[in-house]
């Protein structure tokens, strides 16, 4: 037999566990105030809950973004943006695929179109999606919904919910760990 000559281990190794990964879909990286809340409050909060954060705003080299932004307006710049946009989209898709769940920031008078697309893709991939809407303005198709009805449908049908306080993300994400909300 192939085990002959090998010594059996007297101890069992602990199983290797990887932290649950959360992709954060949001438009907050586009503004200084948004980046302040996103990087200073939301991302650290989710990390402190014990999740590995897959941050789409950190997945692209800022030097590459700056290089394209610094190009003079014209065909070369437009083509550079097209190439970088495609790469960013593919990188974000791969990050959603690698995530166990998604936290989607739903603030604004309407849900950001990129965030809505990420919510739809995450739903199609079977991910738990939790919406965070700290914005008190009305942003729904009718009085029966909180945000765009299709975005809300994907969130709720994924097993997720929409919270009004980021502090409520912990119980909303509990089902990823086998807990209940």
N, C-alpha and C. Protein backbone atom coordinates (compact mmCIF):
# COMPACT_ATOMS: atom_id res chain seq x y z
N UNK A 1 0.83 -1.20 0.00
CA UNK A 1 0.00 0.00 0.00
C UNK A 1 0.87 1.26 0.00
N UNK A 2 0.30 2.36 -0.48
CA UNK A 2 1.06 3.58 -0.61
C UNK A 2 1.37 4.24 0.73
N UNK A 3 0.72 3.83 1.81
CA UNK A 3 0.97 4.47 3.10
C UNK A 3 2.17 3.87 3.81
N UNK A 4 2.70 2.74 3.33
CA UNK A 4 3.79 2.05 3.98
C UNK A 4 5.02 2.96 4.07
N UNK A 5 5.62 3.02 5.21
CA UNK A 5 6.82 3.81 5.41
C UNK A 5 6.52 5.25 5.82
N UNK A 6 5.25 5.65 5.84
CA UNK A 6 4.91 7.00 6.27
C UNK A 6 4.41 6.96 7.70
N UNK A 7 4.73 7.97 8.44
CA UNK A 7 4.30 8.05 9.82
C UNK A 7 2.99 8.82 9.91
N UNK A 8 2.03 8.28 10.60
CA UNK A 8 0.75 8.97 10.76
C UNK A 8 0.90 10.13 11.72
N UNK A 9 0.22 11.21 11.44
CA UNK A 9 0.28 12.38 12.30
C UNK A 9 -0.57 12.15 13.54
N UNK A 10 -0.05 12.56 14.66
CA UNK A 10 -0.77 12.38 15.92
C UNK A 10 -1.78 13.50 16.16
N UNK A 11 -1.64 14.60 15.44
CA UNK A 11 -2.56 15.72 15.65
C UNK A 11 -3.29 16.04 14.35
N UNK A 12 -4.46 16.55 14.50
CA UNK A 12 -5.23 16.98 13.34
C UNK A 12 -5.03 18.48 13.18
N UNK A 13 -4.83 18.90 11.96
CA UNK A 13 -4.70 20.33 11.70
C UNK A 13 -6.07 20.96 11.67
N UNK A 14 -6.14 22.21 12.16
CA UNK A 14 -7.39 22.94 12.11
C UNK A 14 -7.72 23.24 10.65
N UNK A 15 -8.99 23.18 10.29
CA UNK A 15 -9.34 23.47 8.91
C UNK A 15 -8.99 24.92 8.56
N UNK A 16 -8.54 25.10 7.36
CA UNK A 16 -8.22 26.45 6.89
C UNK A 16 -9.52 27.12 6.50
N UNK A 17 -9.77 28.28 7.07
CA UNK A 17 -10.98 29.01 6.73
C UNK A 17 -10.58 30.35 6.15
N UNK A 18 -11.29 30.74 5.12
CA UNK A 18 -11.06 32.05 4.55
C UNK A 18 -12.20 32.95 5.00
N UNK A 19 -11.89 34.22 5.20
CA UNK A 19 -12.97 35.12 5.61
C UNK A 19 -14.02 35.26 4.51
N UNK A 20 -15.22 35.48 4.91
CA UNK A 20 -16.27 35.74 3.94
C UNK A 20 -15.97 37.07 3.25
N UNK A 21 -16.19 37.11 1.95
CA UNK A 21 -15.87 38.30 1.17
C UNK A 21 -17.14 39.05 0.80
N UNK A 22 -17.09 40.38 1.02
CA UNK A 22 -18.19 41.27 0.69
C UNK A 22 -17.72 42.27 -0.36
N UNK A 23 -18.43 42.33 -1.46
CA UNK A 23 -18.18 43.34 -2.49
C UNK A 23 -19.06 44.53 -2.14
N UNK A 24 -18.50 45.74 -2.14
CA UNK A 24 -19.30 46.93 -1.84
C UNK A 24 -19.53 47.70 -3.14
N UNK A 25 -20.77 47.67 -3.61
CA UNK A 25 -21.17 48.38 -4.82
C UNK A 25 -21.65 49.77 -4.41
N UNK A 26 -21.03 50.80 -4.99
CA UNK A 26 -21.44 52.15 -4.63
C UNK A 26 -20.87 53.18 -5.58
N UNK A 27 -21.55 54.33 -5.65
CA UNK A 27 -21.02 55.44 -6.43
C UNK A 27 -20.18 56.40 -5.58
N UNK A 28 -19.89 56.02 -4.34
CA UNK A 28 -19.28 56.96 -3.40
C UNK A 28 -17.85 57.37 -3.75
N UNK A 29 -17.19 56.65 -4.63
CA UNK A 29 -15.84 57.01 -5.00
C UNK A 29 -15.74 58.20 -5.94
N UNK A 30 -16.87 58.67 -6.45
CA UNK A 30 -16.85 59.77 -7.42
C UNK A 30 -16.72 61.15 -6.78
N UNK A 31 -17.00 61.29 -5.49
CA UNK A 31 -16.93 62.61 -4.87
C UNK A 31 -16.06 62.57 -3.63
N UNK A 32 -15.52 63.73 -3.27
CA UNK A 32 -14.66 63.82 -2.10
C UNK A 32 -15.43 63.42 -0.83
N UNK A 33 -16.65 63.94 -0.67
CA UNK A 33 -17.45 63.61 0.51
C UNK A 33 -17.79 62.12 0.53
N UNK A 34 -18.14 61.57 -0.63
CA UNK A 34 -18.44 60.14 -0.72
C UNK A 34 -17.23 59.29 -0.35
N UNK A 35 -16.05 59.65 -0.88
CA UNK A 35 -14.83 58.90 -0.57
C UNK A 35 -14.52 58.96 0.92
N UNK A 36 -14.79 60.10 1.54
CA UNK A 36 -14.53 60.24 2.98
C UNK A 36 -15.38 59.24 3.78
N UNK A 37 -16.68 59.19 3.50
CA UNK A 37 -17.56 58.26 4.21
C UNK A 37 -17.22 56.82 3.85
N UNK A 38 -17.03 56.56 2.56
CA UNK A 38 -16.76 55.20 2.09
C UNK A 38 -15.49 54.64 2.71
N UNK A 39 -14.39 55.37 2.57
CA UNK A 39 -13.10 54.87 3.04
C UNK A 39 -12.88 55.02 4.53
N UNK A 40 -13.53 56.01 5.13
CA UNK A 40 -13.32 56.28 6.55
C UNK A 40 -14.33 55.64 7.48
N UNK A 41 -15.49 55.28 6.95
CA UNK A 41 -16.55 54.73 7.79
C UNK A 41 -17.04 53.37 7.29
N UNK A 42 -17.56 53.33 6.06
CA UNK A 42 -18.25 52.12 5.59
C UNK A 42 -17.32 50.92 5.42
N UNK A 43 -16.23 51.10 4.68
CA UNK A 43 -15.31 49.97 4.46
C UNK A 43 -14.73 49.47 5.77
N UNK A 44 -14.21 50.37 6.65
CA UNK A 44 -13.69 49.86 7.93
C UNK A 44 -14.77 49.17 8.78
N UNK A 45 -16.00 49.67 8.72
CA UNK A 45 -17.08 49.05 9.49
C UNK A 45 -17.31 47.62 9.03
N UNK A 46 -17.39 47.40 7.72
CA UNK A 46 -17.62 46.06 7.19
C UNK A 46 -16.43 45.15 7.51
N UNK A 47 -15.21 45.68 7.42
CA UNK A 47 -14.02 44.89 7.79
C UNK A 47 -14.06 44.52 9.27
N UNK A 48 -14.46 45.47 10.11
CA UNK A 48 -14.53 45.20 11.55
C UNK A 48 -15.58 44.15 11.89
N UNK A 49 -16.53 43.92 10.99
CA UNK A 49 -17.51 42.84 11.20
C UNK A 49 -16.89 41.47 10.91
N UNK A 50 -15.65 41.49 10.39
CA UNK A 50 -14.95 40.24 10.12
C UNK A 50 -14.98 39.79 8.67
N UNK A 51 -15.42 40.66 7.77
CA UNK A 51 -15.48 40.33 6.36
C UNK A 51 -14.25 40.87 5.64
N UNK A 52 -13.85 40.18 4.60
CA UNK A 52 -12.84 40.72 3.69
C UNK A 52 -13.61 41.57 2.68
N UNK A 53 -13.22 42.83 2.56
CA UNK A 53 -13.92 43.73 1.66
C UNK A 53 -13.29 43.69 0.28
N UNK A 54 -14.11 43.44 -0.71
CA UNK A 54 -13.69 43.55 -2.10
C UNK A 54 -14.16 44.93 -2.57
N UNK A 55 -13.21 45.83 -2.62
CA UNK A 55 -13.48 47.25 -2.85
C UNK A 55 -13.20 47.61 -4.30
N UNK A 56 -14.24 47.79 -5.11
CA UNK A 56 -13.99 48.09 -6.51
C UNK A 56 -13.21 49.39 -6.74
N UNK A 57 -13.28 50.31 -5.78
CA UNK A 57 -12.55 51.57 -5.91
C UNK A 57 -11.06 51.39 -5.69
N UNK A 58 -10.67 50.25 -5.13
CA UNK A 58 -9.25 49.99 -4.87
C UNK A 58 -8.67 48.94 -5.82
N UNK A 59 -9.46 48.43 -6.74
CA UNK A 59 -9.01 47.35 -7.61
C UNK A 59 -8.26 47.83 -8.85
N UNK A 60 -8.35 49.11 -9.13
CA UNK A 60 -7.65 49.68 -10.29
C UNK A 60 -6.54 50.58 -9.80
N UNK A 61 -5.39 50.45 -10.40
CA UNK A 61 -4.23 51.28 -10.05
C UNK A 61 -4.58 52.75 -10.26
N UNK A 62 -4.53 53.57 -9.19
CA UNK A 62 -4.86 54.98 -9.33
C UNK A 62 -3.94 55.71 -10.32
N UNK A 63 -2.72 55.23 -10.46
CA UNK A 63 -1.80 55.83 -11.41
C UNK A 63 -2.29 55.68 -12.85
N UNK A 64 -2.91 54.55 -13.13
CA UNK A 64 -3.46 54.33 -14.48
C UNK A 64 -4.64 55.25 -14.73
N UNK A 65 -5.49 55.43 -13.72
CA UNK A 65 -6.61 56.36 -13.86
C UNK A 65 -6.09 57.77 -14.08
N UNK A 66 -5.13 58.18 -13.28
CA UNK A 66 -4.57 59.53 -13.38
C UNK A 66 -3.93 59.76 -14.74
N UNK A 67 -3.27 58.74 -15.27
CA UNK A 67 -2.62 58.88 -16.57
C UNK A 67 -3.65 59.14 -17.67
N UNK A 68 -4.77 58.44 -17.63
CA UNK A 68 -5.80 58.65 -18.64
C UNK A 68 -6.45 60.01 -18.43
N UNK A 69 -6.71 60.37 -17.18
CA UNK A 69 -7.32 61.68 -16.90
C UNK A 69 -6.42 62.82 -17.36
N UNK A 70 -5.12 62.64 -17.31
CA UNK A 70 -4.17 63.69 -17.68
C UNK A 70 -3.98 63.84 -19.19
N UNK A 71 -4.49 62.88 -19.94
CA UNK A 71 -4.33 62.95 -21.40
C UNK A 71 -5.16 64.11 -21.95
N UNK A 72 -4.69 64.74 -23.02
CA UNK A 72 -5.50 65.80 -23.63
C UNK A 72 -6.77 65.22 -24.25
N UNK A 73 -7.81 66.03 -24.24
CA UNK A 73 -9.07 65.61 -24.81
C UNK A 73 -8.87 65.24 -26.27
N UNK A 74 -9.48 64.14 -26.68
CA UNK A 74 -9.39 63.73 -28.08
C UNK A 74 -9.48 62.24 -28.24
N UNK A 75 -9.19 61.77 -29.43
CA UNK A 75 -9.34 60.37 -29.80
C UNK A 75 -8.50 59.44 -28.93
N UNK A 76 -7.25 59.79 -28.69
CA UNK A 76 -6.36 58.92 -27.90
C UNK A 76 -6.90 58.75 -26.48
N UNK A 77 -7.36 59.85 -25.90
CA UNK A 77 -7.92 59.78 -24.54
C UNK A 77 -9.19 58.93 -24.53
N UNK A 78 -10.06 59.14 -25.50
CA UNK A 78 -11.31 58.37 -25.58
C UNK A 78 -11.01 56.88 -25.71
N UNK A 79 -10.06 56.51 -26.54
CA UNK A 79 -9.69 55.11 -26.71
C UNK A 79 -9.04 54.54 -25.44
N UNK A 80 -8.25 55.36 -24.77
CA UNK A 80 -7.64 54.92 -23.51
C UNK A 80 -8.72 54.65 -22.46
N UNK A 81 -9.72 55.54 -22.39
CA UNK A 81 -10.83 55.33 -21.46
C UNK A 81 -11.60 54.06 -21.82
N UNK A 82 -11.84 53.84 -23.09
CA UNK A 82 -12.59 52.64 -23.51
C UNK A 82 -11.86 51.37 -23.06
N UNK A 83 -10.57 51.34 -23.26
CA UNK A 83 -9.79 50.16 -22.86
C UNK A 83 -9.79 49.99 -21.35
N UNK A 84 -9.59 51.09 -20.62
CA UNK A 84 -9.56 51.01 -19.16
C UNK A 84 -10.94 50.68 -18.60
N UNK A 85 -11.98 51.25 -19.18
CA UNK A 85 -13.35 50.95 -18.74
C UNK A 85 -13.65 49.46 -18.85
N UNK A 86 -13.25 48.87 -19.97
CA UNK A 86 -13.48 47.43 -20.17
C UNK A 86 -12.73 46.61 -19.12
N UNK A 87 -11.51 47.00 -18.84
CA UNK A 87 -10.71 46.30 -17.82
C UNK A 87 -11.34 46.45 -16.43
N UNK A 88 -11.78 47.66 -16.10
CA UNK A 88 -12.42 47.89 -14.80
C UNK A 88 -13.70 47.05 -14.69
N UNK A 89 -14.51 47.04 -15.74
CA UNK A 89 -15.73 46.23 -15.72
C UNK A 89 -15.45 44.76 -15.50
N UNK A 90 -14.44 44.24 -16.19
CA UNK A 90 -14.09 42.82 -16.04
C UNK A 90 -13.55 42.53 -14.64
N UNK A 91 -12.76 43.44 -14.11
CA UNK A 91 -12.22 43.28 -12.75
C UNK A 91 -13.34 43.27 -11.72
N UNK A 92 -14.29 44.19 -11.87
CA UNK A 92 -15.41 44.25 -10.93
C UNK A 92 -16.29 43.00 -11.04
N UNK A 93 -16.51 42.53 -12.26
CA UNK A 93 -17.28 41.29 -12.44
C UNK A 93 -16.60 40.13 -11.71
N UNK A 94 -15.29 40.01 -11.87
CA UNK A 94 -14.55 38.94 -11.20
C UNK A 94 -14.63 39.08 -9.68
N UNK A 95 -14.60 40.31 -9.19
CA UNK A 95 -14.70 40.52 -7.73
C UNK A 95 -16.08 40.13 -7.22
N UNK A 96 -17.13 40.44 -7.96
CA UNK A 96 -18.48 40.01 -7.56
C UNK A 96 -18.55 38.49 -7.57
N UNK A 97 -17.98 37.87 -8.59
CA UNK A 97 -17.97 36.41 -8.65
C UNK A 97 -17.26 35.81 -7.44
N UNK A 98 -16.21 36.46 -6.96
CA UNK A 98 -15.42 35.95 -5.83
C UNK A 98 -16.06 36.25 -4.48
N UNK A 99 -17.04 37.15 -4.47
CA UNK A 99 -17.67 37.57 -3.21
C UNK A 99 -18.71 36.55 -2.75
N UNK A 100 -18.92 36.53 -1.45
CA UNK A 100 -20.01 35.74 -0.88
C UNK A 100 -21.30 36.55 -0.83
N UNK A 101 -21.16 37.87 -0.73
CA UNK A 101 -22.31 38.76 -0.67
C UNK A 101 -21.93 40.14 -1.15
N UNK A 102 -22.95 40.97 -1.32
CA UNK A 102 -22.77 42.33 -1.81
C UNK A 102 -23.50 43.29 -0.89
N UNK A 103 -22.83 44.37 -0.54
CA UNK A 103 -23.48 45.51 0.11
C UNK A 103 -23.58 46.58 -0.97
N UNK A 104 -24.80 47.05 -1.24
CA UNK A 104 -25.03 48.05 -2.28
C UNK A 104 -25.49 49.35 -1.65
N UNK A 105 -24.76 50.43 -1.91
CA UNK A 105 -25.15 51.75 -1.43
C UNK A 105 -26.19 52.30 -2.39
N UNK A 106 -27.36 52.60 -1.87
CA UNK A 106 -28.51 52.98 -2.69
C UNK A 106 -28.88 54.45 -2.56
N UNK A 107 -28.00 55.27 -2.02
CA UNK A 107 -28.30 56.69 -1.82
C UNK A 107 -28.41 57.42 -3.16
N UNK A 108 -29.11 58.55 -3.10
CA UNK A 108 -29.30 59.39 -4.28
C UNK A 108 -30.77 59.47 -4.63
N UNK A 109 -31.09 60.39 -5.53
CA UNK A 109 -32.49 60.51 -5.94
C UNK A 109 -32.92 59.30 -6.76
N UNK A 110 -31.95 58.60 -7.32
CA UNK A 110 -32.18 57.33 -7.97
C UNK A 110 -30.94 56.49 -7.73
N UNK A 111 -31.09 55.19 -7.70
CA UNK A 111 -29.94 54.31 -7.50
C UNK A 111 -28.97 54.52 -8.67
N UNK A 112 -27.68 54.66 -8.35
CA UNK A 112 -26.65 54.82 -9.37
C UNK A 112 -26.74 53.68 -10.37
N UNK A 113 -26.61 53.99 -11.66
CA UNK A 113 -26.77 52.97 -12.69
C UNK A 113 -25.73 51.86 -12.60
N UNK A 114 -24.49 52.19 -12.24
CA UNK A 114 -23.47 51.16 -12.08
C UNK A 114 -23.78 50.25 -10.90
N UNK A 115 -24.24 50.84 -9.81
CA UNK A 115 -24.62 50.05 -8.64
C UNK A 115 -25.80 49.15 -8.98
N UNK A 116 -26.77 49.68 -9.72
CA UNK A 116 -27.93 48.87 -10.14
C UNK A 116 -27.47 47.69 -11.00
N UNK A 117 -26.52 47.93 -11.89
CA UNK A 117 -26.01 46.84 -12.74
C UNK A 117 -25.31 45.79 -11.88
N UNK A 118 -24.53 46.22 -10.90
CA UNK A 118 -23.83 45.28 -10.03
C UNK A 118 -24.83 44.48 -9.20
N UNK A 119 -25.90 45.11 -8.74
CA UNK A 119 -26.95 44.40 -8.01
C UNK A 119 -27.57 43.33 -8.90
N UNK A 120 -27.91 43.68 -10.13
CA UNK A 120 -28.50 42.70 -11.05
C UNK A 120 -27.56 41.54 -11.34
N UNK A 121 -26.28 41.84 -11.56
CA UNK A 121 -25.32 40.78 -11.83
C UNK A 121 -25.15 39.88 -10.61
N UNK A 122 -25.03 40.49 -9.44
CA UNK A 122 -24.87 39.71 -8.20
C UNK A 122 -26.08 38.80 -7.99
N UNK A 123 -27.28 39.30 -8.26
CA UNK A 123 -28.47 38.47 -8.13
C UNK A 123 -28.40 37.28 -9.08
N UNK A 124 -28.02 37.55 -10.33
CA UNK A 124 -27.93 36.47 -11.32
C UNK A 124 -26.89 35.43 -10.93
N UNK A 125 -25.89 35.82 -10.16
CA UNK A 125 -24.84 34.91 -9.71
C UNK A 125 -25.17 34.25 -8.37
N UNK A 126 -26.37 34.54 -7.83
CA UNK A 126 -26.81 33.88 -6.60
C UNK A 126 -26.21 34.43 -5.33
N UNK A 127 -25.80 35.70 -5.33
CA UNK A 127 -25.19 36.31 -4.14
C UNK A 127 -26.25 36.92 -3.24
N UNK A 128 -26.00 36.91 -1.94
CA UNK A 128 -26.83 37.67 -1.00
C UNK A 128 -26.52 39.15 -1.24
N UNK A 129 -27.55 39.98 -1.32
CA UNK A 129 -27.36 41.41 -1.53
C UNK A 129 -28.08 42.15 -0.41
N UNK A 130 -27.36 43.05 0.23
CA UNK A 130 -27.95 43.91 1.26
C UNK A 130 -27.79 45.35 0.79
N UNK A 131 -28.90 46.06 0.75
CA UNK A 131 -28.87 47.46 0.37
C UNK A 131 -28.71 48.34 1.60
N UNK A 132 -27.96 49.41 1.43
CA UNK A 132 -27.84 50.43 2.48
C UNK A 132 -28.32 51.74 1.87
N UNK A 133 -29.36 52.30 2.46
CA UNK A 133 -29.88 53.59 2.01
C UNK A 133 -30.02 54.50 3.22
N UNK A 134 -29.02 55.34 3.43
CA UNK A 134 -29.04 56.31 4.52
C UNK A 134 -29.65 57.63 4.10
N UNK A 135 -30.05 57.73 2.86
CA UNK A 135 -30.63 58.94 2.26
C UNK A 135 -32.13 58.94 2.53
N UNK A 136 -32.64 60.03 3.12
CA UNK A 136 -34.06 60.06 3.48
C UNK A 136 -34.97 60.53 2.34
N UNK A 137 -34.40 60.97 1.25
CA UNK A 137 -35.24 61.44 0.13
C UNK A 137 -36.01 60.27 -0.49
N UNK A 138 -37.14 60.57 -1.06
CA UNK A 138 -37.93 59.56 -1.75
C UNK A 138 -37.21 59.15 -3.03
N UNK A 139 -37.17 57.86 -3.28
CA UNK A 139 -36.46 57.36 -4.46
C UNK A 139 -37.05 56.04 -4.91
N UNK A 140 -38.35 56.02 -5.12
CA UNK A 140 -38.99 54.76 -5.46
C UNK A 140 -39.94 54.95 -6.63
N UNK A 141 -40.33 53.85 -7.21
CA UNK A 141 -41.28 53.89 -8.32
C UNK A 141 -42.71 54.17 -7.84
N UNK A 142 -42.98 53.81 -6.59
CA UNK A 142 -44.30 54.05 -6.01
C UNK A 142 -44.18 53.92 -4.49
N UNK A 143 -45.27 54.15 -3.79
CA UNK A 143 -45.21 54.12 -2.32
C UNK A 143 -45.02 52.73 -1.74
N UNK A 144 -44.99 51.71 -2.57
CA UNK A 144 -44.76 50.35 -2.09
C UNK A 144 -43.30 49.94 -2.07
N UNK A 145 -42.42 50.80 -2.55
CA UNK A 145 -41.02 50.41 -2.59
C UNK A 145 -40.13 51.50 -2.01
N UNK A 146 -38.89 51.13 -1.73
CA UNK A 146 -37.91 52.05 -1.15
C UNK A 146 -37.06 52.70 -2.25
N UNK A 147 -36.69 51.90 -3.24
CA UNK A 147 -35.90 52.36 -4.38
C UNK A 147 -36.52 51.78 -5.64
N UNK A 148 -35.84 51.89 -6.76
CA UNK A 148 -36.31 51.31 -8.01
C UNK A 148 -36.82 49.90 -7.75
N UNK A 149 -38.01 49.59 -8.24
CA UNK A 149 -38.64 48.31 -7.89
C UNK A 149 -37.82 47.11 -8.35
N UNK A 150 -37.14 47.18 -9.47
CA UNK A 150 -36.35 46.04 -9.94
C UNK A 150 -35.13 45.82 -9.06
N UNK A 151 -34.45 46.91 -8.67
CA UNK A 151 -33.30 46.81 -7.77
C UNK A 151 -33.76 46.22 -6.44
N UNK A 152 -34.86 46.73 -5.92
CA UNK A 152 -35.37 46.23 -4.65
C UNK A 152 -35.78 44.76 -4.75
N UNK A 153 -36.38 44.38 -5.86
CA UNK A 153 -36.75 42.97 -6.06
C UNK A 153 -35.52 42.08 -5.98
N UNK A 154 -34.45 42.44 -6.71
CA UNK A 154 -33.24 41.62 -6.70
C UNK A 154 -32.67 41.50 -5.29
N UNK A 155 -32.67 42.60 -4.56
CA UNK A 155 -32.13 42.58 -3.19
C UNK A 155 -32.94 41.64 -2.32
N UNK A 156 -34.24 41.83 -2.31
CA UNK A 156 -35.10 41.04 -1.42
C UNK A 156 -35.16 39.57 -1.84
N UNK A 157 -35.19 39.30 -3.13
CA UNK A 157 -35.24 37.92 -3.60
C UNK A 157 -33.92 37.19 -3.39
N UNK A 158 -32.83 37.93 -3.18
CA UNK A 158 -31.53 37.30 -2.90
C UNK A 158 -31.48 36.80 -1.45
N UNK A 159 -32.48 37.18 -0.66
CA UNK A 159 -32.47 36.88 0.76
C UNK A 159 -32.02 38.07 1.59
N UNK A 160 -31.74 39.18 0.91
CA UNK A 160 -31.26 40.38 1.58
C UNK A 160 -32.38 41.32 1.96
N UNK A 161 -31.96 42.48 2.41
CA UNK A 161 -32.88 43.51 2.85
C UNK A 161 -32.26 44.87 2.56
N UNK A 162 -32.99 45.92 2.88
CA UNK A 162 -32.45 47.28 2.77
C UNK A 162 -32.46 47.88 4.15
N UNK A 163 -31.29 48.35 4.59
CA UNK A 163 -31.16 48.97 5.90
C UNK A 163 -30.98 50.47 5.74
N UNK A 164 -31.40 51.22 6.76
CA UNK A 164 -31.29 52.68 6.73
C UNK A 164 -30.06 53.18 7.47
N UNK A 165 -29.46 52.32 8.27
CA UNK A 165 -28.26 52.69 9.03
C UNK A 165 -27.18 51.66 8.72
N UNK A 166 -25.97 52.14 8.44
CA UNK A 166 -24.90 51.18 8.13
C UNK A 166 -24.63 50.28 9.32
N UNK A 167 -24.93 50.74 10.52
CA UNK A 167 -24.73 49.92 11.72
C UNK A 167 -25.62 48.67 11.71
N UNK A 168 -26.66 48.67 10.89
CA UNK A 168 -27.56 47.53 10.80
C UNK A 168 -27.12 46.50 9.76
N UNK A 169 -25.95 46.69 9.17
CA UNK A 169 -25.45 45.71 8.20
C UNK A 169 -25.12 44.37 8.85
N UNK A 170 -24.65 44.40 10.10
CA UNK A 170 -24.27 43.13 10.76
C UNK A 170 -25.41 42.13 10.78
N UNK A 171 -26.58 42.49 11.32
CA UNK A 171 -27.67 41.50 11.32
C UNK A 171 -28.17 41.18 9.91
N UNK A 172 -28.09 42.15 9.00
CA UNK A 172 -28.56 41.92 7.64
C UNK A 172 -27.67 40.93 6.89
N UNK A 173 -26.38 40.86 7.25
CA UNK A 173 -25.45 39.95 6.61
C UNK A 173 -25.31 38.61 7.36
N UNK A 174 -25.98 38.48 8.50
CA UNK A 174 -25.82 37.32 9.37
C UNK A 174 -26.08 35.99 8.66
N UNK A 175 -26.95 35.96 7.68
CA UNK A 175 -27.26 34.69 7.02
C UNK A 175 -26.05 34.12 6.28
N UNK A 176 -25.08 34.95 5.94
CA UNK A 176 -23.85 34.44 5.30
C UNK A 176 -23.09 33.53 6.24
N UNK A 177 -23.23 33.78 7.54
CA UNK A 177 -22.55 32.97 8.55
C UNK A 177 -23.45 31.90 9.12
N UNK A 178 -24.60 31.75 8.51
CA UNK A 178 -25.53 30.73 9.00
C UNK A 178 -26.44 31.24 10.10
N UNK A 179 -26.38 32.54 10.38
CA UNK A 179 -27.25 33.15 11.40
C UNK A 179 -28.51 33.69 10.77
N UNK A 180 -29.37 34.20 11.59
CA UNK A 180 -30.60 34.80 11.06
C UNK A 180 -30.57 36.28 11.32
N UNK A 181 -31.34 37.01 10.54
CA UNK A 181 -31.39 38.46 10.65
C UNK A 181 -32.15 38.91 11.87
